[in-house]
Amino acid sequence: MTNADRTADRPTAPATGLAADLAPTGILRASVNLGNPVLAQGTPEDPSGITVDLAREIGARLGVPVELLCFDAARKSFEAMADGRADLCFLAVDPAREREVAFTAPYVVIEGVYVVPRDSALGSAADVDAAGVRIGVKRGSAYDLFLSRSLAHATVVRGDEGVDVFRSEGLEAGAGIRQPVTAYVRENPEVRMIEDRFMEIRQAVGTTTGRAPETVAFLRATVEELKTNGFVAEALRRAGQDPALLAPPAGPQGTAGTPA
C-alpha cells in the first residue's frame, strides 16, 4: 500500500539530473519496512519513524514528492527495489543484497540477539551454533542471510517472525532484533534473552546499482550530513527510539563497508 506525501520547501539537490536519475517517474518511491519497529512505526496509511523521515528529507532535497511503499518484511522491501517498484530502500547492508543495491554507510546500527527457553543450557551467542540447535528466523531478514551463511552446526528454521516460529515449533532458539526481543522477554517469563549479540545489523539507505555514480554519491553524502547535523538522532528520539543507535561516521569513501 502507498502513502503519497508532498515535501516541504527545502534546499534541493544541486543538479536536476539527480532527481531524474533517482526518481525517473517524477516521484521518489521509497520502500519502508514496517516489520522493523526500530526503523518504522504506524500503519501503511500513516507510517512514521526514522526511515519515513529520511525518505521525506531526501525527496525534499531532490525537489520531488515522495511515495511511501510499506511492507511488513525486509525481503518484500528488497523485492520492491529489485523489480523496479521502488527507487529507494532502507535495509541492512548484506553481501547478498549488494549485488542489486548500492548502499550508503549505515545511519543506524542495531543488534541481532537470541531468545531461548529460560531453562536452556545455552548461555552465549557462540553456544547457539551447536549441533541439534534449531534457530527460528524471519525469512529474508538480515539475520536470516547472515546466519544462513555463517552457522557451522546449528540450523535455521524460517517463518514470518523468528520469535513466532521459535515459540510455535518449540525450537531451541529464536533470532531477532534486540529491542523487540527485549519486549517479548519482558512479557514472557518462560524465556530469556542471551545478552551478547550474534551480529551487528547496519541499516543503510540504498538504491539500485544501475544508478549513476553521482546519484549514489549524493545519497552517501546526504546520509553523512544527516548523521552529523543531528537529524538522525532527533528522528530516533521523536520515534521513541534510543538516539545512541546512531551509526558512527563513514569511512573515507562514505560506503557501507563489510558487515560485522
C-alpha atoms as a PDB file:
ATOM      1  CA  MET A   1       0.000   0.000   0.000  1.00  0.00           C
ATOM      2  CA  THR A   2       1.154   3.549  -0.561  1.00  0.00           C
ATOM      3  CA  ASN A   3       1.123   6.893   1.134  1.00  0.00           C
ATOM      4  CA  ALA A   4       1.839   9.944  -1.052  1.00  0.00           C
ATOM      5  CA  ASP A   5       3.373  12.940   0.662  1.00  0.00           C
ATOM      6  CA  ARG A   6       4.464  16.233  -0.864  1.00  0.00           C
ATOM      7  CA  THR A   7       7.566  17.501   0.867  1.00  0.00           C
ATOM      8  CA  ALA A   8       8.005  20.990   2.285  1.00  0.00           C
ATOM      9  CA  ASP A   9      10.134  23.629   0.601  1.00  0.00           C
ATOM     10  CA  ARG A  10      13.788  22.909   1.457  1.00  0.00           C
ATOM     11  CA  PRO A  11      17.154  23.219  -0.303  1.00  0.00           C
ATOM     12  CA  THR A  12      17.179  20.918  -3.313  1.00  0.00           C
ATOM     13  CA  ALA A  13      19.941  18.837  -4.842  1.00  0.00           C
ATOM     14  CA  PRO A  14      22.378  20.881  -6.953  1.00  0.00           C
ATOM     15  CA  ALA A  15      21.562  19.206 -10.253  1.00  0.00           C
ATOM     16  CA  THR A  16      18.184  18.261 -11.690  1.00  0.00           C
ATOM     17  CA  GLY A  17      19.897  15.213 -13.201  1.00  0.00           C
ATOM     18  CA  LEU A  18      19.997  13.629  -9.757  1.00  0.00           C
ATOM     19  CA  ALA A  19      16.223  13.806  -9.439  1.00  0.00           C
ATOM     20  CA  ALA A  20      15.724  12.468 -12.945  1.00  0.00           C
ATOM     21  CA  ASP A  21      18.012   9.522 -12.186  1.00  0.00           C
ATOM     22  CA  LEU A  22      16.760   8.656  -8.710  1.00  0.00           C
ATOM     23  CA  ALA A  23      13.073   9.474  -9.284  1.00  0.00           C
ATOM     24  CA  PRO A  24      12.504   8.891 -13.019  1.00  0.00           C
ATOM     25  CA  THR A  25       8.707   8.871 -12.610  1.00  0.00           C
ATOM     26  CA  GLY A  26       8.819  12.326 -11.027  1.00  0.00           C
ATOM     27  CA  ILE A  27       8.009  10.805  -7.612  1.00  0.00           C
ATOM     28  CA  LEU A  28      10.573   9.329  -5.222  1.00  0.00           C
ATOM     29  CA  ARG A  29       9.196   5.879  -4.410  1.00  0.00           C
ATOM     30  CA  ALA A  30      10.606   4.693  -1.091  1.00  0.00           C
ATOM     31  CA  SER A  31      10.077   1.193   0.284  1.00  0.00           C
ATOM     32  CA  VAL A  32       9.568   1.158   4.053  1.00  0.00           C
ATOM     33  CA  ASN A  33       9.766  -1.947   6.226  1.00  0.00           C
ATOM     34  CA  LEU A  34       7.117  -1.695   8.948  1.00  0.00           C
ATOM     35  CA  GLY A  35       8.279  -5.102  10.172  1.00  0.00           C
ATOM     36  CA  ASN A  36      11.261  -3.464  11.907  1.00  0.00           C
ATOM     37  CA  PRO A  37       9.789  -1.422  14.780  1.00  0.00           C
ATOM     38  CA  VAL A  38      13.071   0.383  15.423  1.00  0.00           C
ATOM     39  CA  LEU A  39      13.040   1.929  11.958  1.00  0.00           C
ATOM     40  CA  ALA A  40       9.350   2.407  11.169  1.00  0.00           C
ATOM     41  CA  GLN A  41       6.120   2.554  13.093  1.00  0.00           C
ATOM     42  CA  GLY A  42       2.460   3.169  12.367  1.00  0.00           C
ATOM     43  CA  THR A  43       0.346   1.795   9.541  1.00  0.00           C
ATOM     44  CA  PRO A  44       0.722   1.654   5.744  1.00  0.00           C
ATOM     45  CA  GLU A  45      -1.722   4.544   5.576  1.00  0.00           C
ATOM     46  CA  ASP A  46       0.137   6.599   8.190  1.00  0.00           C
ATOM     47  CA  PRO A  47       3.737   5.402   8.648  1.00  0.00           C
ATOM     48  CA  SER A  48       6.313   7.174  10.783  1.00  0.00           C
ATOM     49  CA  GLY A  49       9.838   6.710  12.067  1.00  0.00           C
ATOM     50  CA  ILE A  50      13.414   7.330  11.023  1.00  0.00           C
ATOM     51  CA  THR A  51      13.083   5.734   7.574  1.00  0.00           C
ATOM     52  CA  VAL A  52       9.995   7.805   6.773  1.00  0.00           C
ATOM     53  CA  ASP A  53      11.796  10.965   7.887  1.00  0.00           C
ATOM     54  CA  LEU A  54      14.838  10.092   5.775  1.00  0.00           C
ATOM     55  CA  ALA A  55      12.725   9.409   2.686  1.00  0.00           C
ATOM     56  CA  ARG A  56      10.938  12.730   3.002  1.00  0.00           C
ATOM     57  CA  GLU A  57      14.169  14.624   3.592  1.00  0.00           C
ATOM     58  CA  ILE A  58      15.819  13.088   0.527  1.00  0.00           C
ATOM     59  CA  GLY A  59      12.742  13.879  -1.550  1.00  0.00           C
ATOM     60  CA  ALA A  60      12.803  17.465  -0.308  1.00  0.00           C
ATOM     61  CA  ARG A  61      16.437  17.854  -1.317  1.00  0.00           C
ATOM     62  CA  LEU A  62      15.651  16.499  -4.764  1.00  0.00           C
ATOM     63  CA  GLY A  63      12.581  18.729  -5.026  1.00  0.00           C
ATOM     64  CA  VAL A  64      10.208  15.832  -5.756  1.00  0.00           C
ATOM     65  CA  PRO A  65       7.174  14.359  -3.948  1.00  0.00           C
ATOM     66  CA  VAL A  66       7.627  11.133  -2.010  1.00  0.00           C
ATOM     67  CA  GLU A  67       5.535   7.976  -2.183  1.00  0.00           C
ATOM     68  CA  LEU A  68       5.943   5.537   0.695  1.00  0.00           C
ATOM     69  CA  LEU A  69       5.552   1.861  -0.210  1.00  0.00           C
ATOM     70  CA  CYS A  70       5.022  -0.003   3.049  1.00  0.00           C
ATOM     71  CA  PHE A  71       5.808  -3.669   3.642  1.00  0.00           C
ATOM     72  CA  ASP A  72       5.821  -5.981   6.657  1.00  0.00           C
ATOM     73  CA  ALA A  73       9.197  -7.601   5.955  1.00  0.00           C
ATOM     74  CA  ALA A  74      12.638  -6.621   4.703  1.00  0.00           C
ATOM     75  CA  ARG A  75      12.548  -9.225   1.926  1.00  0.00           C
ATOM     76  CA  LYS A  76       9.404  -7.606   0.494  1.00  0.00           C
ATOM     77  CA  SER A  77      11.007  -4.187   0.665  1.00  0.00           C
ATOM     78  CA  PHE A  78      14.058  -5.593  -1.116  1.00  0.00           C
ATOM     79  CA  GLU A  79      11.907  -7.248  -3.776  1.00  0.00           C
ATOM     80  CA  ALA A  80      10.158  -3.940  -4.488  1.00  0.00           C
ATOM     81  CA  MET A  81      13.567  -2.384  -5.004  1.00  0.00           C
ATOM     82  CA  ALA A  82      14.868  -5.214  -7.147  1.00  0.00           C
ATOM     83  CA  ASP A  83      11.868  -5.367  -9.502  1.00  0.00           C
ATOM     84  CA  GLY A  84      11.670  -1.607 -10.072  1.00  0.00           C
ATOM     85  CA  ARG A  85       8.653  -0.671  -7.963  1.00  0.00           C
ATOM     86  CA  ALA A  86      10.806   1.404  -5.586  1.00  0.00           C
ATOM     87  CA  ASP A  87      13.633   3.885  -6.120  1.00  0.00           C
ATOM     88  CA  LEU A  88      14.906   3.969  -2.558  1.00  0.00           C
ATOM     89  CA  CYS A  89      15.099   1.381   0.219  1.00  0.00           C
ATOM     90  CA  PHE A  90      16.098   1.204   3.869  1.00  0.00           C
ATOM     91  CA  LEU A  91      17.716  -2.157   4.533  1.00  0.00           C
ATOM     92  CA  ALA A  92      20.548  -3.762   6.442  1.00  0.00           C
ATOM     93  CA  VAL A  93      23.753  -3.978   4.462  1.00  0.00           C
ATOM     94  CA  ASP A  94      24.417  -7.554   3.384  1.00  0.00           C
ATOM     95  CA  PRO A  95      26.590  -9.074   0.622  1.00  0.00           C
ATOM     96  CA  ALA A  96      23.586 -10.914  -0.835  1.00  0.00           C
ATOM     97  CA  ARG A  97      21.770  -7.591  -1.285  1.00  0.00           C
ATOM     98  CA  GLU A  98      24.790  -5.636  -2.526  1.00  0.00           C
ATOM     99  CA  ARG A  99      24.594  -7.438  -5.853  1.00  0.00           C
ATOM    100  CA  GLU A 100      21.484  -5.369  -6.582  1.00  0.00           C
ATOM    101  CA  VAL A 101      21.590  -2.490  -4.083  1.00  0.00           C
ATOM    102  CA  ALA A 102      24.124   0.338  -3.811  1.00  0.00           C
ATOM    103  CA  PHE A 103      24.192   1.228  -0.118  1.00  0.00           C
ATOM    104  CA  THR A 104      25.232   4.293   1.800  1.00  0.00           C
ATOM    105  CA  ALA A 105      27.122   3.889   5.041  1.00  0.00           C
ATOM    106  CA  PRO A 106      24.776   2.904   7.877  1.00  0.00           C
ATOM    107  CA  TYR A 107      22.773   5.591   9.644  1.00  0.00           C
ATOM    108  CA  VAL A 108      21.726   3.284  12.498  1.00  0.00           C
ATOM    109  CA  VAL A 109      23.332   0.175  13.990  1.00  0.00           C
ATOM    110  CA  ILE A 110      21.129  -2.323  15.801  1.00  0.00           C
ATOM    111  CA  GLU A 111      21.892  -5.787  17.154  1.00  0.00           C
ATOM    112  CA  GLY A 112      20.769  -9.314  16.451  1.00  0.00           C
ATOM    113  CA  VAL A 113      20.205 -11.400  19.597  1.00  0.00           C
ATOM    114  CA  TYR A 114      18.822 -14.789  20.565  1.00  0.00           C
ATOM    115  CA  VAL A 115      15.883 -15.744  22.756  1.00  0.00           C
ATOM    116  CA  VAL A 116      15.935 -19.194  24.388  1.00  0.00           C
ATOM    117  CA  PRO A 117      13.802 -21.086  26.921  1.00  0.00           C
ATOM    118  CA  ARG A 118      14.540 -19.908  30.450  1.00  0.00           C
ATOM    119  CA  ASP A 119      15.961 -23.311  31.456  1.00  0.00           C
ATOM    120  CA  SER A 120      18.147 -23.637  28.335  1.00  0.00           C
ATOM    121  CA  ALA A 121      21.804 -24.531  28.813  1.00  0.00           C
ATOM    122  CA  LEU A 122      22.734 -22.049  26.068  1.00  0.00           C
ATOM    123  CA  GLY A 123      24.476 -19.127  27.744  1.00  0.00           C
ATOM    124  CA  SER A 124      26.171 -17.153  24.980  1.00  0.00           C
ATOM    125  CA  ALA A 125      25.670 -16.395  21.301  1.00  0.00           C
ATOM    126  CA  ALA A 126      28.561 -18.715  20.468  1.00  0.00           C
ATOM    127  CA  ASP A 127      26.873 -21.571  22.341  1.00  0.00           C
ATOM    128  CA  VAL A 128      23.876 -21.408  19.990  1.00  0.00           C
ATOM    129  CA  ASP A 129      25.902 -22.598  16.999  1.00  0.00           C
ATOM    130  CA  ALA A 130      25.829 -26.251  18.069  1.00  0.00           C
ATOM    131  CA  ALA A 131      24.616 -29.495  16.573  1.00  0.00           C
ATOM    132  CA  GLY A 132      20.940 -30.095  17.252  1.00  0.00           C
ATOM    133  CA  VAL A 133      20.126 -26.432  17.833  1.00  0.00           C
ATOM    134  CA  ARG A 134      17.362 -25.038  15.638  1.00  0.00           C
ATOM    135  CA  ILE A 135      17.066 -21.258  15.333  1.00  0.00           C
ATOM    136  CA  GLY A 136      13.874 -19.504  14.285  1.00  0.00           C
ATOM    137  CA  VAL A 137      14.431 -16.555  11.942  1.00  0.00           C
ATOM    138  CA  LYS A 138      12.310 -14.136   9.958  1.00  0.00           C
ATOM    139  CA  ARG A 139      12.502 -15.247   6.337  1.00  0.00           C
ATOM    140  CA  GLY A 140      14.724 -12.955   4.249  1.00  0.00           C
ATOM    141  CA  SER A 141      15.798 -10.775   7.177  1.00  0.00           C
ATOM    142  CA  ALA A 142      19.360  -9.545   7.613  1.00  0.00           C
ATOM    143  CA  TYR A 143      19.922 -12.098  10.353  1.00  0.00           C
ATOM    144  CA  ASP A 144      18.480 -14.901   8.190  1.00  0.00           C
ATOM    145  CA  LEU A 145      21.019 -14.023   5.481  1.00  0.00           C
ATOM    146  CA  PHE A 146      23.851 -13.724   8.000  1.00  0.00           C
ATOM    147  CA  LEU A 147      23.120 -16.902   9.948  1.00  0.00           C
ATOM    148  CA  SER A 148      22.449 -18.946   6.819  1.00  0.00           C
ATOM    149  CA  ARG A 149      26.000 -18.404   5.617  1.00  0.00           C
ATOM    150  CA  SER A 150      27.834 -18.235   8.964  1.00  0.00           C
ATOM    151  CA  LEU A 151      26.459 -21.058  11.118  1.00  0.00           C
ATOM    152  CA  ALA A 152      28.647 -24.132  11.204  1.00  0.00           C
ATOM    153  CA  HIS A 153      26.454 -26.521  13.222  1.00  0.00           C
ATOM    154  CA  ALA A 154      23.028 -25.080  14.110  1.00  0.00           C
ATOM    155  CA  THR A 155      20.219 -24.975  11.567  1.00  0.00           C
ATOM    156  CA  VAL A 156      17.899 -22.160  10.553  1.00  0.00           C
ATOM    157  CA  VAL A 157      14.107 -22.533  10.575  1.00  0.00           C
ATOM    158  CA  ARG A 158      12.355 -19.749   8.656  1.00  0.00           C
ATOM    159  CA  GLY A 159       8.977 -18.204   9.323  1.00  0.00           C
ATOM    160  CA  ASP A 160       7.100 -14.922   9.269  1.00  0.00           C
ATOM    161  CA  GLU A 161       8.796 -13.911  12.537  1.00  0.00           C
ATOM    162  CA  GLY A 162      11.795 -15.512  14.222  1.00  0.00           C
ATOM    163  CA  VAL A 163      10.308 -15.397  17.700  1.00  0.00           C
ATOM    164  CA  ASP A 164       6.970 -16.735  16.464  1.00  0.00           C
ATOM    165  CA  VAL A 165       8.482 -19.786  14.782  1.00  0.00           C
ATOM    166  CA  PHE A 166      10.702 -20.358  17.834  1.00  0.00           C
ATOM    167  CA  ARG A 167       7.594 -20.490  20.005  1.00  0.00           C
ATOM    168  CA  SER A 168       5.233 -22.364  17.681  1.00  0.00           C
ATOM    169  CA  GLU A 169       7.700 -25.115  16.773  1.00  0.00           C
ATOM    170  CA  GLY A 170       9.378 -25.451  20.152  1.00  0.00           C
ATOM    171  CA  LEU A 171      12.825 -24.572  18.824  1.00  0.00           C
ATOM    172  CA  GLU A 172      15.987 -24.240  20.864  1.00  0.00           C
ATOM    173  CA  ALA A 173      16.466 -20.549  19.968  1.00  0.00           C
ATOM    174  CA  GLY A 174      14.899 -17.662  18.115  1.00  0.00           C
ATOM    175  CA  ALA A 175      16.711 -14.767  16.443  1.00  0.00           C
ATOM    176  CA  GLY A 176      15.580 -11.176  16.351  1.00  0.00           C
ATOM    177  CA  ILE A 177      16.377  -7.507  16.887  1.00  0.00           C
ATOM    178  CA  ARG A 178      17.352  -6.577  20.432  1.00  0.00           C
ATOM    179  CA  GLN A 179      14.577  -4.056  21.094  1.00  0.00           C
ATOM    180  CA  PRO A 180      11.537  -6.209  20.172  1.00  0.00           C
ATOM    181  CA  VAL A 181      13.171  -9.323  21.654  1.00  0.00           C
ATOM    182  CA  THR A 182      13.661  -7.433  24.918  1.00  0.00           C
ATOM    183  CA  ALA A 183       9.970  -6.508  24.940  1.00  0.00           C
ATOM    184  CA  TYR A 184       8.969 -10.105  24.181  1.00  0.00           C
ATOM    185  CA  VAL A 185      11.075 -11.489  27.025  1.00  0.00           C
ATOM    186  CA  ARG A 186       9.630  -8.926  29.423  1.00  0.00           C
ATOM    187  CA  GLU A 187       6.131 -10.211  28.650  1.00  0.00           C
ATOM    188  CA  ASN A 188       7.002 -13.926  28.593  1.00  0.00           C
ATOM    189  CA  PRO A 189       8.815 -15.091  31.755  1.00  0.00           C
ATOM    190  CA  GLU A 190       9.288 -18.604  30.397  1.00  0.00           C
ATOM    191  CA  VAL A 191      12.003 -17.351  28.033  1.00  0.00           C
ATOM    192  CA  ARG A 192      15.147 -15.255  28.375  1.00  0.00           C
ATOM    193  CA  MET A 193      17.419 -13.317  26.060  1.00  0.00           C
ATOM    194  CA  ILE A 194      21.084 -14.150  25.555  1.00  0.00           C
ATOM    195  CA  GLU A 195      22.645 -10.765  26.232  1.00  0.00           C
ATOM    196  CA  ASP A 196      25.600 -10.780  23.865  1.00  0.00           C
ATOM    197  CA  ARG A 197      24.782 -10.092  20.221  1.00  0.00           C
ATOM    198  CA  PHE A 198      25.432 -12.530  17.408  1.00  0.00           C
ATOM    199  CA  MET A 199      25.705  -9.726  14.830  1.00  0.00           C
ATOM    200  CA  GLU A 200      25.542  -6.017  14.220  1.00  0.00           C
ATOM    201  CA  ILE A 201      22.768  -5.052  11.820  1.00  0.00           C
ATOM    202  CA  ARG A 202      23.871  -1.957   9.908  1.00  0.00           C
ATOM    203  CA  GLN A 203      20.852  -0.162   8.500  1.00  0.00           C
ATOM    204  CA  ALA A 204      21.559   1.951   5.422  1.00  0.00           C
ATOM    205  CA  VAL A 205      19.844   3.787   2.589  1.00  0.00           C
ATOM    206  CA  GLY A 206      20.029   2.037  -0.764  1.00  0.00           C
ATOM    207  CA  THR A 207      19.155   2.350  -4.407  1.00  0.00           C
ATOM    208  CA  THR A 208      19.700   0.068  -7.387  1.00  0.00           C
ATOM    209  CA  THR A 209      23.273  -0.480  -8.555  1.00  0.00           C
ATOM    210  CA  GLY A 210      22.349   0.813 -12.014  1.00  0.00           C
ATOM    211  CA  ARG A 211      22.027   4.398 -10.784  1.00  0.00           C
ATOM    212  CA  ALA A 212      24.621   6.979 -11.823  1.00  0.00           C
ATOM    213  CA  PRO A 213      27.695   7.267  -9.579  1.00  0.00           C
ATOM    214  CA  GLU A 214      26.718  10.889  -8.871  1.00  0.00           C
ATOM    215  CA  THR A 215      23.340   9.740  -7.551  1.00  0.00           C
ATOM    216  CA  VAL A 216      24.881   7.209  -5.189  1.00  0.00           C
ATOM    217  CA  ALA A 217      27.426   9.826  -4.063  1.00  0.00           C
ATOM    218  CA  PHE A 218      24.562  12.245  -3.348  1.00  0.00           C
ATOM    219  CA  LEU A 219      22.803   9.667  -1.158  1.00  0.00           C
ATOM    220  CA  ARG A 220      26.000   8.828   0.707  1.00  0.00           C
ATOM    221  CA  ALA A 221      26.842  12.476   1.335  1.00  0.00           C
ATOM    222  CA  THR A 222      23.282  13.255   2.423  1.00  0.00           C
ATOM    223  CA  VAL A 223      23.219  10.403   4.928  1.00  0.00           C
ATOM    224  CA  GLU A 224      26.545  11.513   6.412  1.00  0.00           C
ATOM    225  CA  GLU A 225      25.298  15.085   6.744  1.00  0.00           C
ATOM    226  CA  LEU A 226      22.086  13.945   8.435  1.00  0.00           C
ATOM    227  CA  LYS A 227      24.102  11.837  10.869  1.00  0.00           C
ATOM    228  CA  THR A 228      26.385  14.701  11.841  1.00  0.00           C
ATOM    229  CA  ASN A 229      23.856  17.546  11.964  1.00  0.00           C
ATOM    230  CA  GLY A 230      21.582  15.806  14.487  1.00  0.00           C
ATOM    231  CA  PHE A 231      18.772  14.877  12.066  1.00  0.00           C
ATOM    232  CA  VAL A 232      19.072  11.111  12.593  1.00  0.00           C
ATOM    233  CA  ALA A 233      19.415  11.328  16.386  1.00  0.00           C
ATOM    234  CA  GLU A 234      16.409  13.639  16.631  1.00  0.00           C
ATOM    235  CA  ALA A 235      14.312  11.425  14.340  1.00  0.00           C
ATOM    236  CA  LEU A 236      15.135   8.428  16.550  1.00  0.00           C
ATOM    237  CA  ARG A 237      14.218  10.378  19.667  1.00  0.00           C
ATOM    238  CA  ARG A 238      10.951  11.553  18.124  1.00  0.00           C
ATOM    239  CA  ALA A 239      10.065   7.933  17.305  1.00  0.00           C
ATOM    240  CA  GLY A 240      10.741   6.789  20.864  1.00  0.00           C
ATOM    241  CA  GLN A 241      13.979   5.043  19.941  1.00  0.00           C
ATOM    242  CA  ASP A 242      17.407   5.392  21.543  1.00  0.00           C
ATOM    243  CA  PRO A 243      19.498   8.124  19.822  1.00  0.00           C
ATOM    244  CA  ALA A 244      22.571   6.075  20.762  1.00  0.00           C
ATOM    245  CA  LEU A 245      21.655   3.768  17.849  1.00  0.00           C
ATOM    246  CA  LEU A 246      23.159   6.436  15.577  1.00  0.00           C
ATOM    247  CA  ALA A 247      25.890   4.874  13.426  1.00  0.00           C
ATOM    248  CA  PRO A 248      29.462   6.193  13.598  1.00  0.00           C
ATOM    249  CA  PRO A 249      30.866   8.339  10.759  1.00  0.00           C
ATOM    250  CA  ALA A 250      31.560   6.541   7.493  1.00  0.00           C
ATOM    251  CA  GLY A 251      34.955   5.534   6.209  1.00  0.00           C
ATOM    252  CA  PRO A 252      36.917   7.566   3.661  1.00  0.00           C
ATOM    253  CA  GLN A 253      34.676   6.641   0.730  1.00  0.00           C
ATOM    254  CA  GLY A 254      31.389   7.017   2.615  1.00  0.00           C
ATOM    255  CA  THR A 255      30.429   3.455   1.772  1.00  0.00           C
ATOM    256  CA  ALA A 256      28.722   0.760   3.777  1.00  0.00           C
ATOM    257  CA  GLY A 257      31.787  -1.429   4.203  1.00  0.00           C
ATOM    258  CA  THR A 258      31.871  -5.044   5.322  1.00  0.00           C
ATOM    259  CA  PRO A 259      29.174  -6.379   7.665  1.00  0.00           C
ATOM    260  CA  ALA A 260      30.180  -7.057  11.246  1.00  0.00           C
END
